[in-house]
């Protein structure tokens, strides 16, 4: 089955024969799901299968995903400076709630290892560090990373396959929400349509149907609040806000710390952003073709932080802060973290300074990435939001 759909504008690196065979198997599985559903599935279902189909999806496969050898670079993969800075907020939240952490979607395990080492140095190790991870392959990789970097702390780490019934402490999600499946919606002059996926001549193709149910209600509300021109295409996430709201019934005293790229709603659905934010990542190349080699590339969408705040607050959480990653890291002491390594030692200092530049530069991650805290029973102002809080923009 041919699976490349609309090819990316720039040539992408060639995949190995084994990788192509794996992608072909997943494509056949997705095509079978489309046939079983009557010839059409919503894009959210396609994205779910491409990323999470057991044994075949992108996050279930064994290829490198994180860092320079993978498809994209996350903040923890840039080096220890991210964890050395974020730990200030982590430590404060553990002190005012409970000494427990759950990290959702821990990637390679690098952030978990770095945070545990930093918390140990502060004398504030959590009693338990949980990792909420669905992928068996990633669980194994996380265990190996923590075992290599912090073997004495591995006994404190445990893995979860589903949300707990009750939890006090910190829930940390770094670049998790962007990979939750989203719906695609087209606001036409005469109808609001959901963009889905069919199969034609052995290829995945776009197919639109009139939206209904909760998706239609959400799309109508967005249209009433924003001047969306005919043909406007964007994403609507129903899953990420629901995930945030679910924590409201789980948290006793604690907080969600959410770090991801995205916008408040008024920016997300700006009239000039008329093709949405959907993006794919393959071998350090970013492109907009989700049908290209399913299972071998990441598929993401930016986060609507207003939707997260609304869902969390409606379910009983408090909005504790919202700001850019740059402001958050400076508030948490990034400058002081860098000052611990003398600039006269370029071998050690320059990698830290280079990573810090990527983390806070407006042209890199500093402005596009946002940080939001939602919690329950937390009365103390959070240090990560003492300056530059943008909650009023949500």
Protein backbone atom coordinates (compact mmCIF):
# COMPACT_ATOMS: atom_id res chain seq x y z
CA UNK A 1 0.00 0.00 0.00
CA UNK A 2 1.35 3.44 -0.91
CA UNK A 3 1.32 5.64 2.18
CA UNK A 4 3.14 8.86 1.52
CA UNK A 5 0.05 10.96 0.78
CA UNK A 6 1.13 14.48 -0.21
CA UNK A 7 4.92 14.37 -0.06
CA UNK A 8 6.77 16.92 2.02
CA UNK A 9 8.05 19.96 0.16
CA UNK A 10 11.69 19.18 0.97
CA UNK A 11 13.26 15.74 0.47
CA UNK A 12 13.26 13.71 3.66
CA UNK A 13 15.91 11.18 4.73
CA UNK A 14 15.41 7.69 3.34
CA UNK A 15 14.09 4.99 5.65
CA UNK A 16 15.65 1.55 5.95
CA UNK A 17 14.00 -1.51 4.44
CA UNK A 18 12.98 -2.73 7.91
CA UNK A 19 11.49 0.66 8.79
CA UNK A 20 9.56 0.76 5.52
CA UNK A 21 8.21 -2.71 6.17
CA UNK A 22 7.09 -1.66 9.66
CA UNK A 23 5.39 1.44 8.28
CA UNK A 24 3.68 -0.61 5.58
CA UNK A 25 2.31 -3.00 8.21
CA UNK A 26 0.89 -0.10 10.23
CA UNK A 27 -0.57 1.48 7.10
CA UNK A 28 -2.36 -1.75 6.29
CA UNK A 29 -3.68 -1.89 9.84
CA UNK A 30 -4.97 1.69 9.60
CA UNK A 31 -6.55 0.95 6.21
CA UNK A 32 -8.31 -2.05 7.73
CA UNK A 33 -9.64 0.13 10.56
CA UNK A 34 -10.92 2.62 7.99
CA UNK A 35 -12.67 -0.15 6.05
CA UNK A 36 -14.20 -1.54 9.25
CA UNK A 37 -15.52 1.93 10.09
CA UNK A 38 -17.29 2.23 6.74
CA UNK A 39 -14.55 3.93 4.74
CA UNK A 40 -13.86 6.94 6.95
CA UNK A 41 -12.28 7.76 10.32
CA UNK A 42 -11.75 11.12 11.98
CA UNK A 43 -8.21 12.46 11.95
CA UNK A 44 -8.07 12.00 15.72
CA UNK A 45 -8.45 8.24 15.19
CA UNK A 46 -5.80 8.25 12.44
CA UNK A 47 -3.41 10.13 14.73
CA UNK A 48 -4.12 7.73 17.59
CA UNK A 49 -3.32 4.72 15.42
CA UNK A 50 -0.23 6.28 13.83
CA UNK A 51 1.24 7.16 17.21
CA UNK A 52 -0.05 4.53 19.63
CA UNK A 53 -1.21 1.37 17.81
CA UNK A 54 0.18 -1.46 19.98
CA UNK A 55 3.44 -2.79 18.63
CA UNK A 56 3.31 -0.61 15.52
CA UNK A 57 2.63 3.05 16.34
CA UNK A 58 5.35 5.67 16.54
CA UNK A 59 5.55 5.65 20.33
CA UNK A 60 5.29 1.86 20.47
CA UNK A 61 8.23 1.27 18.12
CA UNK A 62 11.91 0.87 18.91
CA UNK A 63 13.50 3.62 16.80
CA UNK A 64 15.27 6.55 18.44
CA UNK A 65 12.86 9.46 18.87
CA UNK A 66 14.51 11.94 21.20
CA UNK A 67 17.73 13.93 20.86
CA UNK A 68 20.02 14.53 17.91
CA UNK A 69 19.89 10.85 16.86
CA UNK A 70 16.09 10.86 16.77
CA UNK A 71 13.34 12.90 15.17
CA UNK A 72 13.21 15.91 17.48
CA UNK A 73 14.93 17.45 20.49
CA UNK A 74 13.05 18.15 23.72
CA UNK A 75 14.27 20.49 26.46
CA UNK A 76 15.69 17.73 28.72
CA UNK A 77 17.72 16.32 25.82
CA UNK A 78 19.60 19.62 25.51
CA UNK A 79 21.40 18.83 28.76
CA UNK A 80 20.99 19.10 32.53
CA UNK A 81 20.38 22.87 32.63
CA UNK A 82 16.62 22.41 32.11
CA UNK A 83 16.17 20.10 35.10
CA UNK A 84 18.60 22.11 37.24
CA UNK A 85 16.31 25.10 36.75
CA UNK A 86 12.85 23.51 36.80
CA UNK A 87 13.77 21.70 40.03
CA UNK A 88 13.21 24.94 41.97
CA UNK A 89 9.50 24.87 41.09
CA UNK A 90 9.30 21.11 41.55
CA UNK A 91 10.82 21.35 45.04
CA UNK A 92 8.44 24.14 46.08
CA UNK A 93 5.38 22.19 44.96
CA UNK A 94 6.52 19.03 46.72
CA UNK A 95 7.08 21.03 49.91
CA UNK A 96 3.57 22.54 49.91
CA UNK A 97 1.71 19.38 48.84
CA UNK A 98 3.26 15.93 49.27
CA UNK A 99 6.63 14.33 48.37
CA UNK A 100 5.33 12.47 45.35
CA UNK A 101 5.83 13.01 41.61
CA UNK A 102 4.08 11.56 38.59
CA UNK A 103 5.68 12.41 35.27
CA UNK A 104 3.37 11.83 32.32
CA UNK A 105 5.07 10.65 29.14
CA UNK A 106 8.67 10.70 30.35
CA UNK A 107 10.26 10.27 26.93
CA UNK A 108 13.77 8.86 27.19
CA UNK A 109 13.77 9.20 30.99
CA UNK A 110 16.35 11.97 30.90
CA UNK A 111 14.21 14.52 32.75
CA UNK A 112 13.30 12.00 35.46
CA UNK A 113 16.95 11.08 36.01
CA UNK A 114 18.12 14.70 36.08
CA UNK A 115 15.33 15.81 38.42
CA UNK A 116 15.94 12.96 40.84
CA UNK A 117 19.63 13.84 41.03
CA UNK A 118 18.86 17.52 41.58
CA UNK A 119 16.26 16.78 44.25
CA UNK A 120 18.73 14.47 45.97
CA UNK A 121 21.32 17.26 46.02
CA UNK A 122 18.70 19.51 47.68
CA UNK A 123 17.79 16.87 50.24
CA UNK A 124 14.22 16.80 48.85
CA UNK A 125 13.91 13.41 47.18
CA UNK A 126 10.30 12.38 46.64
CA UNK A 127 9.09 9.27 48.38
CA UNK A 128 7.95 7.97 45.01
CA UNK A 129 8.56 9.08 41.43
CA UNK A 130 5.86 7.66 39.18
CA UNK A 131 6.08 7.59 35.40
CA UNK A 132 2.80 7.36 33.50
CA UNK A 133 3.79 5.61 30.28
CA UNK A 134 1.75 3.47 27.89
CA UNK A 135 4.64 2.31 25.70
CA UNK A 136 6.48 -0.78 26.89
CA UNK A 137 9.44 0.14 24.70
CA UNK A 138 9.68 3.59 26.26
CA UNK A 139 9.29 2.19 29.78
CA UNK A 140 12.31 -0.02 29.12
CA UNK A 141 14.29 2.92 27.75
CA UNK A 142 13.36 5.09 30.73
CA UNK A 143 14.42 2.39 33.16
CA UNK A 144 17.75 2.03 31.36
CA UNK A 145 18.37 5.80 31.37
CA UNK A 146 17.62 6.21 35.08
CA UNK A 147 19.57 3.06 35.88
CA UNK A 148 22.60 4.46 34.08
CA UNK A 149 22.46 8.04 35.37
CA UNK A 150 21.06 7.50 38.87
CA UNK A 151 21.12 3.76 39.70
CA UNK A 152 20.80 4.28 43.46
CA UNK A 153 17.54 6.19 42.91
CA UNK A 154 15.90 3.65 40.59
CA UNK A 155 14.08 1.91 43.50
CA UNK A 156 12.08 5.12 44.04
CA UNK A 157 10.73 4.99 40.47
CA UNK A 158 7.66 3.03 39.46
CA UNK A 159 5.70 2.88 36.22
CA UNK A 160 1.96 3.39 35.77
CA UNK A 161 -0.24 2.41 32.84
CA UNK A 162 -3.26 4.44 33.93
CA UNK A 163 -4.12 7.38 36.15
CA UNK A 164 -4.25 6.69 39.89
CA UNK A 165 -7.50 6.88 41.84
CA UNK A 166 -6.04 9.41 44.28
CA UNK A 167 -2.85 11.46 44.31
CA UNK A 168 -1.19 14.20 46.36
CA UNK A 169 1.91 15.88 44.95
CA UNK A 170 3.16 17.05 41.57
CA UNK A 171 2.03 15.89 38.14
CA UNK A 172 4.60 16.93 35.53
CA UNK A 173 3.89 16.84 31.79
CA UNK A 174 6.64 18.13 29.49
CA UNK A 175 5.71 17.96 25.78
CA UNK A 176 2.93 15.45 26.32
CA UNK A 177 -0.27 17.29 25.42
CA UNK A 178 0.94 18.16 21.90
CA UNK A 179 0.96 14.44 21.05
CA UNK A 180 -2.62 13.79 22.18
CA UNK A 181 -4.87 13.11 19.17
CA UNK A 182 -6.82 16.09 17.84
CA UNK A 183 -9.77 16.58 15.53
CA UNK A 184 -9.42 18.60 12.34
CA UNK A 185 -12.26 21.02 11.62
CA UNK A 186 -13.06 23.09 8.53
CA UNK A 187 -15.34 26.09 9.00
CA UNK A 188 -17.01 26.42 5.61
CA UNK A 189 -19.51 29.13 4.67
CA UNK A 190 -22.42 26.69 4.71
CA UNK A 191 -21.34 24.01 7.17
CA UNK A 192 -18.81 23.01 9.81
CA UNK A 193 -17.03 19.85 8.72
CA UNK A 194 -14.76 17.35 10.39
CA UNK A 195 -11.79 16.43 8.23
CA UNK A 196 -11.11 12.72 8.30
CA UNK A 197 -9.20 10.06 6.42
CA UNK A 198 -10.24 7.57 3.75
CA UNK A 199 -8.43 5.32 1.31
CA UNK A 200 -8.41 5.86 -2.46
CA UNK A 201 -6.28 3.93 -4.95
CA UNK A 202 -4.15 2.55 -2.14
CA UNK A 203 -3.43 5.94 -0.57
CA UNK A 204 -4.72 7.76 2.46
CA UNK A 205 -6.78 10.77 1.40
CA UNK A 206 -8.59 13.60 3.18
CA UNK A 207 -12.38 13.33 3.37
CA UNK A 208 -14.70 15.86 5.01
CA UNK A 209 -17.98 15.11 6.77
CA UNK A 210 -20.41 17.39 8.57
CA UNK A 211 -19.30 17.64 12.19
CA UNK A 212 -21.66 16.48 14.92
CA UNK A 213 -21.89 15.92 18.66
CA UNK A 214 -19.44 17.51 21.09
CA UNK A 215 -17.07 18.45 18.28
CA UNK A 216 -19.75 20.46 16.49
CA UNK A 217 -20.68 22.23 19.72
CA UNK A 218 -17.05 23.14 20.36
CA UNK A 219 -16.58 24.31 16.76
CA UNK A 220 -19.75 26.45 16.88
CA UNK A 221 -18.55 28.10 20.10
CA UNK A 222 -15.19 28.89 18.51
CA UNK A 223 -16.90 30.36 15.45
CA UNK A 224 -19.04 32.59 17.64
CA UNK A 225 -16.00 33.96 19.47
CA UNK A 226 -13.61 34.36 16.55
CA UNK A 227 -13.86 35.79 13.05
CA UNK A 228 -12.98 32.62 11.13
CA UNK A 229 -13.02 33.09 7.33
CA UNK A 230 -14.72 30.46 5.12
CA UNK A 231 -12.45 27.48 4.59
CA UNK A 232 -10.61 28.05 7.85
CA UNK A 233 -8.88 24.83 8.97
CA UNK A 234 -7.61 24.14 12.46
CA UNK A 235 -7.43 21.58 15.22
CA UNK A 236 -9.83 21.07 18.09
CA UNK A 237 -8.58 19.01 21.01
CA UNK A 238 -11.22 17.31 23.10
CA UNK A 239 -8.82 14.83 24.71
CA UNK A 240 -6.26 17.15 26.32
CA UNK A 241 -8.83 19.29 28.23
CA UNK A 242 -10.61 16.11 29.34
CA UNK A 243 -7.30 14.69 30.60
CA UNK A 244 -6.66 17.85 32.63
CA UNK A 245 -10.20 17.83 34.04
CA UNK A 246 -9.84 14.19 35.05
CA UNK A 247 -7.01 15.12 37.40
CA UNK A 248 -9.40 17.37 39.34
CA UNK A 249 -11.13 14.28 40.73
CA UNK A 250 -7.78 12.63 41.49
CA UNK A 251 -5.79 15.41 43.13
CA UNK A 252 -6.22 15.89 46.84
CA UNK A 253 -3.54 18.52 47.34
CA UNK A 254 -1.13 19.12 44.53
CA UNK A 255 -0.61 20.60 41.09
CA UNK A 256 -0.26 19.90 37.40
CA UNK A 257 2.79 21.52 35.82
CA UNK A 258 2.24 21.55 32.05
CA UNK A 259 5.04 22.56 29.66
CA UNK A 260 4.37 22.57 25.93
CA UNK A 261 4.23 24.67 22.80
CA UNK A 262 1.00 26.50 22.12
CA UNK A 263 -1.06 29.65 22.47
CA UNK A 264 -4.01 31.16 24.30
CA UNK A 265 -7.17 30.67 22.27
CA UNK A 266 -7.30 34.15 20.75
CA UNK A 267 -3.88 33.51 19.18
CA UNK A 268 -4.54 29.87 18.34
CA UNK A 269 -7.61 30.70 16.27
CA UNK A 270 -6.29 33.90 14.74
CA UNK A 271 -7.79 34.55 11.31
CA UNK A 272 -4.35 34.44 9.67
CA UNK A 273 -3.52 31.01 11.16
CA UNK A 274 -5.93 29.46 8.67
CA UNK A 275 -4.23 26.10 8.11
CA UNK A 276 -3.86 25.10 11.75
CA UNK A 277 -0.75 24.04 13.62
CA UNK A 278 -0.44 20.36 12.72
CA UNK A 279 3.22 19.38 12.35
CA UNK A 280 5.19 16.18 11.79
CA UNK A 281 8.77 15.46 12.85
CA UNK A 282 11.04 12.99 11.06
CA UNK A 283 14.80 12.79 11.47
CA UNK A 284 15.11 16.42 12.61
CA UNK A 285 12.93 17.58 9.71
CA UNK A 286 9.60 19.33 10.42
CA UNK A 287 6.90 19.09 7.76
CA UNK A 288 3.13 19.04 7.39
CA UNK A 289 2.40 15.65 5.84
CA UNK A 290 0.81 13.28 8.40
CA UNK A 291 0.34 10.50 5.83
CA UNK A 292 4.08 10.20 5.22
CA UNK A 293 5.42 6.85 6.51
CA UNK A 294 2.97 6.24 9.38
CA UNK A 295 4.70 4.94 12.48
CA UNK A 296 8.07 6.45 11.57
CA UNK A 297 7.31 10.08 12.39
CA UNK A 298 5.81 12.09 15.21
CA UNK A 299 2.54 13.95 14.63
CA UNK A 300 1.78 16.93 16.86
CA UNK A 301 -0.49 19.94 17.26
CA UNK A 302 0.02 23.05 19.34
CA UNK A 303 -1.84 23.31 22.63
CA UNK A 304 -4.84 25.58 23.23
CA UNK A 305 -3.95 26.65 26.77
CA UNK A 306 -7.25 28.48 27.22
CA UNK A 307 -9.06 25.18 26.76
CA UNK A 308 -6.88 23.57 29.44
CA UNK A 309 -7.53 26.39 31.91
CA UNK A 310 -11.28 26.34 31.28
CA UNK A 311 -11.50 22.57 31.65
CA UNK A 312 -9.39 22.48 34.78
CA UNK A 313 -11.14 25.35 36.53
CA UNK A 314 -14.61 24.05 35.62
CA UNK A 315 -13.65 20.73 37.21
CA UNK A 316 -12.43 22.31 40.45
CA UNK A 317 -8.77 23.15 39.88
CA UNK A 318 -7.25 26.58 40.47
CA UNK A 319 -5.17 28.34 37.83
CA UNK A 320 -1.86 28.92 39.62
CA UNK A 321 0.07 30.52 36.77
CA UNK A 322 0.65 30.75 33.04
CA UNK A 323 3.70 32.21 31.34
CA UNK A 324 6.32 31.66 28.67
CA UNK A 325 9.05 29.10 29.16
CA UNK A 326 11.64 31.88 29.15
CA UNK A 327 9.95 33.78 31.98
CA UNK A 328 9.37 30.58 33.92
CA UNK A 329 13.01 29.51 33.72
CA UNK A 330 14.33 32.96 34.66
CA UNK A 331 11.93 33.02 37.62
CA UNK A 332 13.24 29.61 38.67
CA UNK A 333 16.84 30.86 38.70
CA UNK A 334 18.32 30.03 35.30
CA UNK A 335 20.90 32.81 35.62
CA UNK A 336 22.03 31.47 38.98
CA UNK A 337 22.19 27.92 37.62
CA UNK A 338 24.53 29.04 34.84
CA UNK A 339 26.64 31.04 37.30
CA UNK A 340 27.51 27.86 39.20
CA UNK A 341 29.75 26.84 36.31
CA UNK A 342 32.55 29.37 35.74
CA UNK A 343 32.76 30.83 32.25
CA UNK A 344 36.52 30.36 32.54
CA UNK A 345 35.87 26.64 32.10
CA UNK A 346 34.59 26.69 28.51
CA UNK A 347 34.42 22.90 28.16
CA UNK A 348 31.74 22.75 30.86
CA UNK A 349 30.21 26.21 30.54
CA UNK A 350 29.64 26.54 26.78
CA UNK A 351 27.29 23.50 26.43
CA UNK A 352 25.19 24.80 29.33
CA UNK A 353 25.07 28.31 27.89
CA UNK A 354 24.15 26.99 24.45
CA UNK A 355 21.31 24.91 25.89
CA UNK A 356 20.07 27.86 27.95
CA UNK A 357 20.02 30.03 24.85
CA UNK A 358 17.79 27.54 23.03
CA UNK A 359 15.49 27.25 26.03
CA UNK A 360 14.83 30.99 26.43
CA UNK A 361 15.44 32.56 23.02
CA UNK A 362 12.26 33.94 21.41
CA UNK A 363 13.50 32.47 18.12
CA UNK A 364 13.85 29.01 19.68
CA UNK A 365 11.75 27.64 22.59
CA UNK A 366 11.49 30.65 24.90
CA UNK A 367 8.34 32.28 23.56
CA UNK A 368 6.52 29.47 21.75
CA UNK A 369 6.70 27.13 24.75
CA UNK A 370 4.42 27.97 27.64
CA UNK A 371 4.15 26.75 31.22
CA UNK A 372 0.86 26.40 33.08
CA UNK A 373 0.18 25.30 36.65
CA UNK A 374 -3.23 24.10 37.79
CA UNK A 375 -3.74 22.83 41.30
CA UNK A 376 -5.81 22.18 44.35
CA UNK A 377 -5.07 23.20 47.92
CA UNK A 378 -2.04 25.30 46.93
CA UNK A 379 -2.18 28.78 48.48
CA UNK A 380 1.48 29.82 48.22
CA UNK A 381 2.45 31.87 45.12
CA UNK A 382 4.55 29.74 42.79
CA UNK A 383 8.07 30.98 42.10
CA UNK A 384 7.91 30.12 38.41
CA UNK A 385 5.21 32.75 37.84
CA UNK A 386 6.23 35.62 40.12
CA UNK A 387 7.09 37.79 37.10
CA UNK A 388 5.64 37.75 33.61
CA UNK A 389 2.46 35.85 34.45
CA UNK A 390 0.16 35.90 31.40
CA UNK A 391 -2.96 34.37 32.92
CA UNK A 392 -4.93 37.45 31.89
CA UNK A 393 -4.35 36.54 28.21
CA UNK A 394 -6.18 33.21 28.45
